Amino acid sequence: GGTWVNVEEQSFLAPYLPAALPHADAYLL
């Protein structure tokens, strides 16, 4: 499973995310 990072209602698991990553790109495998 995982966090759908581009879906607004999804909450992140790590205590520092998403705040510690204000700007980031996503890459497929």
PDB file of all heavy atoms in Angstrom:
ATOM      1  N   GLY A   1       0.817  -1.206   0.000  1.00  0.00           N
ATOM      2  CA  GLY A   1       0.000   0.000   0.000  1.00  0.00           C
ATOM      3  C   GLY A   1       0.849   1.253   0.000  1.00  0.00           C
ATOM      4  O   GLY A   1       2.056   1.212  -0.227  1.00  0.00           O
ATOM      5  N   GLY A   2       0.206   2.408   0.242  1.00  0.00           N
ATOM      6  CA  GLY A   2       0.983   3.632   0.254  1.00  0.00           C
ATOM      7  C   GLY A   2       0.130   4.886   0.339  1.00  0.00           C
ATOM      8  O   GLY A   2      -1.099   4.826   0.405  1.00  0.00           O
ATOM      9  N   THR A   3       0.813   6.018   0.347  1.00  0.00           N
ATOM     10  CA  THR A   3       0.173   7.332   0.384  1.00  0.00           C
ATOM     11  C   THR A   3       0.014   7.868  -1.033  1.00  0.00           C
ATOM     12  O   THR A   3       1.006   7.983  -1.763  1.00  0.00           O
ATOM     13  CB  THR A   3       1.034   8.323   1.194  1.00  0.00           C
ATOM     14  OG1 THR A   3       1.216   7.831   2.518  1.00  0.00           O
ATOM     15  CG2 THR A   3       0.385   9.696   1.245  1.00  0.00           C
ATOM     16  N   TRP A   4      -1.219   8.178  -1.432  1.00  0.00           N
ATOM     17  CA  TRP A   4      -1.455   8.789  -2.749  1.00  0.00           C
ATOM     18  C   TRP A   4      -1.110  10.276  -2.616  1.00  0.00           C
ATOM     19  O   TRP A   4      -1.932  11.082  -2.187  1.00  0.00           O
ATOM     20  CB  TRP A   4      -2.903   8.614  -3.155  1.00  0.00           C
ATOM     21  CG  TRP A   4      -3.309   7.191  -3.424  1.00  0.00           C
ATOM     22  CD1 TRP A   4      -2.548   6.073  -3.275  1.00  0.00           C
ATOM     23  CD2 TRP A   4      -4.590   6.733  -3.887  1.00  0.00           C
ATOM     24  NE1 TRP A   4      -3.267   4.947  -3.612  1.00  0.00           N
ATOM     25  CE2 TRP A   4      -4.514   5.322  -3.996  1.00  0.00           C
ATOM     26  CE3 TRP A   4      -5.771   7.376  -4.220  1.00  0.00           C
ATOM     27  CZ2 TRP A   4      -5.596   4.554  -4.415  1.00  0.00           C
ATOM     28  CZ3 TRP A   4      -6.851   6.611  -4.648  1.00  0.00           C
ATOM     29  CH2 TRP A   4      -6.760   5.216  -4.747  1.00  0.00           C
ATOM     30  N   VAL A   5       0.097  10.627  -2.987  1.00  0.00           N
ATOM     31  CA  VAL A   5       0.617  11.953  -2.658  1.00  0.00           C
ATOM     32  C   VAL A   5      -0.034  13.068  -3.466  1.00  0.00           C
ATOM     33  O   VAL A   5       0.072  14.244  -3.089  1.00  0.00           O
ATOM     34  CB  VAL A   5       2.151  11.997  -2.840  1.00  0.00           C
ATOM     35  CG1 VAL A   5       2.831  11.025  -1.887  1.00  0.00           C
ATOM     36  CG2 VAL A   5       2.567  11.713  -4.284  1.00  0.00           C
ATOM     37  N   ASN A   6      -0.693  12.736  -4.569  1.00  0.00           N
ATOM     38  CA  ASN A   6      -1.336  13.774  -5.389  1.00  0.00           C
ATOM     39  C   ASN A   6      -2.844  13.828  -5.182  1.00  0.00           C
ATOM     40  O   ASN A   6      -3.554  14.459  -5.968  1.00  0.00           O
ATOM     41  CB  ASN A   6      -1.021  13.553  -6.874  1.00  0.00           C
ATOM     42  CG  ASN A   6      -1.558  12.227  -7.399  1.00  0.00           C
ATOM     43  OD1 ASN A   6      -1.646  11.241  -6.667  1.00  0.00           O
ATOM     44  ND2 ASN A   6      -1.897  12.185  -8.679  1.00  0.00           N
ATOM     45  N   VAL A   7      -3.329  13.211  -4.108  1.00  0.00           N
ATOM     46  CA  VAL A   7      -4.750  13.262  -3.776  1.00  0.00           C
ATOM     47  C   VAL A   7      -4.896  14.066  -2.493  1.00  0.00           C
ATOM     48  O   VAL A   7      -4.328  13.705  -1.452  1.00  0.00           O
ATOM     49  CB  VAL A   7      -5.327  11.840  -3.604  1.00  0.00           C
ATOM     50  CG1 VAL A   7      -6.781  11.892  -3.147  1.00  0.00           C
ATOM     51  CG2 VAL A   7      -5.204  11.063  -4.916  1.00  0.00           C
ATOM     52  N   GLU A   8      -5.638  15.161  -2.548  1.00  0.00           N
ATOM     53  CA  GLU A   8      -5.641  16.144  -1.463  1.00  0.00           C
ATOM     54  C   GLU A   8      -6.052  15.570  -0.114  1.00  0.00           C
ATOM     55  O   GLU A   8      -5.493  15.922   0.912  1.00  0.00           O
ATOM     56  CB  GLU A   8      -6.566  17.312  -1.826  1.00  0.00           C
ATOM     57  CG  GLU A   8      -5.996  18.244  -2.891  1.00  0.00           C
ATOM     58  CD  GLU A   8      -6.855  19.470  -3.088  1.00  0.00           C
ATOM     59  OE1 GLU A   8      -7.798  19.666  -2.287  1.00  0.00           O
ATOM     60  OE2 GLU A   8      -6.590  20.239  -4.026  1.00  0.00           O
ATOM     61  N   GLU A   9      -7.022  14.679  -0.076  1.00  0.00           N
ATOM     62  CA  GLU A   9      -7.521  14.212   1.212  1.00  0.00           C
ATOM     63  C   GLU A   9      -6.627  13.162   1.870  1.00  0.00           C
ATOM     64  O   GLU A   9      -6.887  12.724   2.988  1.00  0.00           O
ATOM     65  CB  GLU A   9      -8.939  13.650   1.066  1.00  0.00           C
ATOM     66  CG  GLU A   9      -9.073  12.481   0.094  1.00  0.00           C
ATOM     67  CD  GLU A   9      -9.468  12.938  -1.300  1.00  0.00           C
ATOM     68  OE1 GLU A   9      -9.175  14.100  -1.644  1.00  0.00           O
ATOM     69  OE2 GLU A   9     -10.059  12.127  -2.024  1.00  0.00           O
ATOM     70  N   GLN A  10      -5.572  12.771   1.183  1.00  0.00           N
ATOM     71  CA  GLN A  10      -4.649  11.792   1.752  1.00  0.00           C
ATOM     72  C   GLN A  10      -3.740  12.459   2.784  1.00  0.00           C
ATOM     73  O   GLN A  10      -3.190  13.535   2.534  1.00  0.00           O
ATOM     74  CB  GLN A  10      -3.784  11.171   0.657  1.00  0.00           C
ATOM     75  CG  GLN A  10      -4.545  10.213  -0.246  1.00  0.00           C
ATOM     76  CD  GLN A  10      -4.644   8.823   0.359  1.00  0.00           C
ATOM     77  OE1 GLN A  10      -3.664   8.128   0.540  1.00  0.00           O
ATOM     78  NE2 GLN A  10      -5.872   8.420   0.647  1.00  0.00           N
ATOM     79  N   SER A  11      -3.608  11.846   3.960  1.00  0.00           N
ATOM     80  CA  SER A  11      -2.684  12.359   4.966  1.00  0.00           C
ATOM     81  C   SER A  11      -1.371  11.587   4.884  1.00  0.00           C
ATOM     82  O   SER A  11      -1.352  10.417   4.512  1.00  0.00           O
ATOM     83  CB  SER A  11      -3.283  12.226   6.366  1.00  0.00           C
ATOM     84  OG  SER A  11      -3.590  10.873   6.649  1.00  0.00           O
ATOM     85  N   PHE A  12      -0.277  12.264   5.224  1.00  0.00           N
ATOM     86  CA  PHE A  12       1.032  11.642   5.184  1.00  0.00           C
ATOM     87  C   PHE A  12       1.320  10.921   6.494  1.00  0.00           C
ATOM     88  O   PHE A  12       0.712  11.202   7.528  1.00  0.00           O
ATOM     89  CB  PHE A  12       2.102  12.697   4.909  1.00  0.00           C
ATOM     90  CG  PHE A  12       2.193  13.117   3.458  1.00  0.00           C
ATOM     91  CD1 PHE A  12       1.157  13.819   2.852  1.00  0.00           C
ATOM     92  CD2 PHE A  12       3.311  12.803   2.705  1.00  0.00           C
ATOM     93  CE1 PHE A  12       1.231  14.213   1.526  1.00  0.00           C
ATOM     94  CE2 PHE A  12       3.407  13.187   1.374  1.00  0.00           C
ATOM     95  CZ  PHE A  12       2.365  13.885   0.781  1.00  0.00           C
ATOM     96  N   LEU A  13       2.266   9.987   6.453  1.00  0.00           N
ATOM     97  CA  LEU A  13       2.600   9.164   7.605  1.00  0.00           C
ATOM     98  C   LEU A  13       3.759   9.719   8.418  1.00  0.00           C
ATOM     99  O   LEU A  13       3.732   9.695   9.640  1.00  0.00           O
ATOM    100  CB  LEU A  13       2.947   7.739   7.139  1.00  0.00           C
ATOM    101  CG  LEU A  13       1.858   6.997   6.360  1.00  0.00           C
ATOM    102  CD1 LEU A  13       2.404   5.667   5.842  1.00  0.00           C
ATOM    103  CD2 LEU A  13       0.634   6.769   7.231  1.00  0.00           C
ATOM    104  N   ALA A  14       4.811  10.194   7.747  1.00  0.00           N
ATOM    105  CA  ALA A  14       5.988  10.701   8.444  1.00  0.00           C
ATOM    106  C   ALA A  14       5.645  12.001   9.160  1.00  0.00           C
ATOM    107  O   ALA A  14       4.938  12.852   8.603  1.00  0.00           O
ATOM    108  CB  ALA A  14       7.132  10.929   7.456  1.00  0.00           C
ATOM    109  N   PRO A  15       6.135  12.211  10.383  1.00  0.00           N
ATOM    110  CA  PRO A  15       5.772  13.427  11.125  1.00  0.00           C
ATOM    111  C   PRO A  15       6.270  14.708  10.473  1.00  0.00           C
ATOM    112  O   PRO A  15       5.743  15.787  10.754  1.00  0.00           O
ATOM    113  CB  PRO A  15       6.428  13.212  12.494  1.00  0.00           C
ATOM    114  CG  PRO A  15       7.518  12.227  12.258  1.00  0.00           C
ATOM    115  CD  PRO A  15       7.017  11.329  11.165  1.00  0.00           C
ATOM    116  N   TYR A  16       7.266  14.618   9.594  1.00  0.00           N
ATOM    117  CA  TYR A  16       7.822  15.811   8.951  1.00  0.00           C
ATOM    118  C   TYR A  16       7.319  16.014   7.533  1.00  0.00           C
ATOM    119  O   TYR A  16       7.733  16.961   6.851  1.00  0.00           O
ATOM    120  CB  TYR A  16       9.354  15.754   8.951  1.00  0.00           C
ATOM    121  CG  TYR A  16       9.935  14.432   8.524  1.00  0.00           C
ATOM    122  CD1 TYR A  16      10.133  14.117   7.191  1.00  0.00           C
ATOM    123  CD2 TYR A  16      10.294  13.484   9.477  1.00  0.00           C
ATOM    124  CE1 TYR A  16      10.662  12.901   6.800  1.00  0.00           C
ATOM    125  CE2 TYR A  16      10.826  12.263   9.111  1.00  0.00           C
ATOM    126  CZ  TYR A  16      11.011  11.972   7.775  1.00  0.00           C
ATOM    127  OH  TYR A  16      11.527  10.767   7.397  1.00  0.00           O
ATOM    128  N   LEU A  17       6.431  15.159   7.070  1.00  0.00           N
ATOM    129  CA  LEU A  17       5.877  15.308   5.728  1.00  0.00           C
ATOM    130  C   LEU A  17       4.401  15.664   5.791  1.00  0.00           C
ATOM    131  O   LEU A  17       3.692  15.212   6.688  1.00  0.00           O
ATOM    132  CB  LEU A  17       6.054  14.004   4.926  1.00  0.00           C
ATOM    133  CG  LEU A  17       7.483  13.652   4.530  1.00  0.00           C
ATOM    134  CD1 LEU A  17       7.507  12.313   3.799  1.00  0.00           C
ATOM    135  CD2 LEU A  17       8.107  14.730   3.658  1.00  0.00           C
ATOM    136  N   PRO A  18       3.940  16.503   4.852  1.00  0.00           N
ATOM    137  CA  PRO A  18       4.653  17.068   3.707  1.00  0.00           C
ATOM    138  C   PRO A  18       5.400  18.372   4.001  1.00  0.00           C
ATOM    139  O   PRO A  18       6.028  18.928   3.116  1.00  0.00           O
ATOM    140  CB  PRO A  18       3.536  17.326   2.710  1.00  0.00           C
ATOM    141  CG  PRO A  18       2.363  17.682   3.568  1.00  0.00           C
ATOM    142  CD  PRO A  18       2.493  16.814   4.804  1.00  0.00           C
ATOM    143  N   ALA A  19       5.350  18.870   5.263  1.00  0.00           N
ATOM    144  CA  ALA A  19       5.886  20.202   5.556  1.00  0.00           C
ATOM    145  C   ALA A  19       7.367  20.324   5.215  1.00  0.00           C
ATOM    146  O   ALA A  19       7.819  21.386   4.766  1.00  0.00           O
ATOM    147  CB  ALA A  19       5.661  20.528   7.031  1.00  0.00           C
ATOM    148  N   ALA A  20       8.137  19.252   5.431  1.00  0.00           N
ATOM    149  CA  ALA A  20       9.588  19.329   5.177  1.00  0.00           C
ATOM    150  C   ALA A  20       9.922  19.240   3.698  1.00  0.00           C
ATOM    151  O   ALA A  20      11.085  19.356   3.324  1.00  0.00           O
ATOM    152  CB  ALA A  20      10.311  18.223   5.936  1.00  0.00           C
ATOM    153  N   LEU A  21       8.922  19.052   2.872  1.00  0.00           N
ATOM    154  CA  LEU A  21       9.135  18.924   1.426  1.00  0.00           C
ATOM    155  C   LEU A  21       8.163  19.862   0.707  1.00  0.00           C
ATOM    156  O   LEU A  21       7.239  19.416   0.012  1.00  0.00           O
ATOM    157  CB  LEU A  21       8.907  17.473   1.005  1.00  0.00           C
ATOM    158  CG  LEU A  21       9.535  16.989  -0.312  1.00  0.00           C
ATOM    159  CD1 LEU A  21      11.029  17.245  -0.332  1.00  0.00           C
ATOM    160  CD2 LEU A  21       9.254  15.515  -0.510  1.00  0.00           C
ATOM    161  N   PRO A  22       8.349  21.183   0.872  1.00  0.00           N
ATOM    162  CA  PRO A  22       7.376  22.133   0.322  1.00  0.00           C
ATOM    163  C   PRO A  22       7.322  22.133  -1.200  1.00  0.00           C
ATOM    164  O   PRO A  22       6.289  22.458  -1.788  1.00  0.00           O
ATOM    165  CB  PRO A  22       7.864  23.481   0.856  1.00  0.00           C
ATOM    166  CG  PRO A  22       9.308  23.281   1.164  1.00  0.00           C
ATOM    167  CD  PRO A  22       9.436  21.860   1.604  1.00  0.00           C
ATOM    168  N   HIS A  23       8.429  21.772  -1.844  1.00  0.00           N
ATOM    169  CA  HIS A  23       8.469  21.713  -3.303  1.00  0.00           C
ATOM    170  C   HIS A  23       9.218  20.441  -3.698  1.00  0.00           C
ATOM    171  O   HIS A  23      10.378  20.271  -3.321  1.00  0.00           O
ATOM    172  CB  HIS A  23       9.171  22.940  -3.888  1.00  0.00           C
ATOM    173  CG  HIS A  23       8.595  24.242  -3.421  1.00  0.00           C
ATOM    174  ND1 HIS A  23       7.367  24.707  -3.848  1.00  0.00           N
ATOM    175  CD2 HIS A  23       9.068  25.152  -2.536  1.00  0.00           C
ATOM    176  CE1 HIS A  23       7.117  25.861  -3.267  1.00  0.00           C
ATOM    177  NE2 HIS A  23       8.134  26.154  -2.459  1.00  0.00           N
ATOM    178  N   ALA A  24       8.552  19.585  -4.430  1.00  0.00           N
ATOM    179  CA  ALA A  24       9.200  18.329  -4.816  1.00  0.00           C
ATOM    180  C   ALA A  24       8.567  17.806  -6.092  1.00  0.00           C
ATOM    181  O   ALA A  24       7.378  18.035  -6.373  1.00  0.00           O
ATOM    182  CB  ALA A  24       9.061  17.288  -3.711  1.00  0.00           C
ATOM    183  N   ASP A  25       9.374  17.101  -6.854  1.00  0.00           N
ATOM    184  CA  ASP A  25       8.884  16.433  -8.054  1.00  0.00           C
ATOM    185  C   ASP A  25       8.671  14.959  -7.782  1.00  0.00           C
ATOM    186  O   ASP A  25       9.379  14.343  -6.967  1.00  0.00           O
ATOM    187  CB  ASP A  25       9.893  16.583  -9.200  1.00  0.00           C
ATOM    188  CG  ASP A  25       9.915  17.991  -9.780  1.00  0.00           C
ATOM    189  OD1 ASP A  25       8.909  18.707  -9.626  1.00  0.00           O
ATOM    190  OD2 ASP A  25      10.931  18.360 -10.383  1.00  0.00           O
ATOM    191  N   ALA A  26       7.716  14.399  -8.481  1.00  0.00           N
ATOM    192  CA  ALA A  26       7.460  12.963  -8.435  1.00  0.00           C
ATOM    193  C   ALA A  26       8.029  12.319  -9.689  1.00  0.00           C
ATOM    194  O   ALA A  26       7.976  12.903 -10.784  1.00  0.00           O
ATOM    195  CB  ALA A  26       5.960  12.687  -8.342  1.00  0.00           C
ATOM    196  N   TYR A  27       8.568  11.123  -9.529  1.00  0.00           N
ATOM    197  CA  TYR A  27       9.128  10.353 -10.631  1.00  0.00           C
ATOM    198  C   TYR A  27       8.583   8.939 -10.560  1.00  0.00           C
ATOM    199  O   TYR A  27       8.515   8.341  -9.471  1.00  0.00           O
ATOM    200  CB  TYR A  27      10.656  10.279 -10.544  1.00  0.00           C
ATOM    201  CG  TYR A  27      11.368  11.603 -10.625  1.00  0.00           C
ATOM    202  CD1 TYR A  27      11.459  12.430  -9.504  1.00  0.00           C
ATOM    203  CD2 TYR A  27      11.969  12.031 -11.804  1.00  0.00           C
ATOM    204  CE1 TYR A  27      12.129  13.649  -9.557  1.00  0.00           C
ATOM    205  CE2 TYR A  27      12.635  13.252 -11.873  1.00  0.00           C
ATOM    206  CZ  TYR A  27      12.713  14.054 -10.752  1.00  0.00           C
ATOM    207  OH  TYR A  27      13.374  15.253 -10.815  1.00  0.00           O
ATOM    208  N   LEU A  28       8.220   8.389 -11.702  1.00  0.00           N
ATOM    209  CA  LEU A  28       7.832   6.982 -11.747  1.00  0.00           C
ATOM    210  C   LEU A  28       9.082   6.104 -11.697  1.00  0.00           C
ATOM    211  O   LEU A  28      10.212   6.573 -11.875  1.00  0.00           O
ATOM    212  CB  LEU A  28       7.042   6.695 -13.023  1.00  0.00           C
ATOM    213  CG  LEU A  28       5.711   7.433 -13.181  1.00  0.00           C
ATOM    214  CD1 LEU A  28       5.032   7.020 -14.490  1.00  0.00           C
ATOM    215  CD2 LEU A  28       4.786   7.167 -11.989  1.00  0.00           C
ATOM    216  N   LEU A  29       8.883   4.817 -11.462  1.00  0.00           N
ATOM    217  CA  LEU A  29      10.020   3.907 -11.362  1.00  0.00           C
ATOM    218  C   LEU A  29      10.821   3.840 -12.656  1.00  0.00           C
ATOM    219  O   LEU A  29      12.028   3.572 -12.625  1.00  0.00           O
ATOM    220  CB  LEU A  29       9.554   2.499 -10.976  1.00  0.00           C
ATOM    221  CG  LEU A  29       8.836   2.333  -9.627  1.00  0.00           C
ATOM    222  CD1 LEU A  29       8.715   0.854  -9.285  1.00  0.00           C
ATOM    223  CD2 LEU A  29       9.523   3.090  -8.509  1.00  0.00           C
TER     224      LEU A  29
END
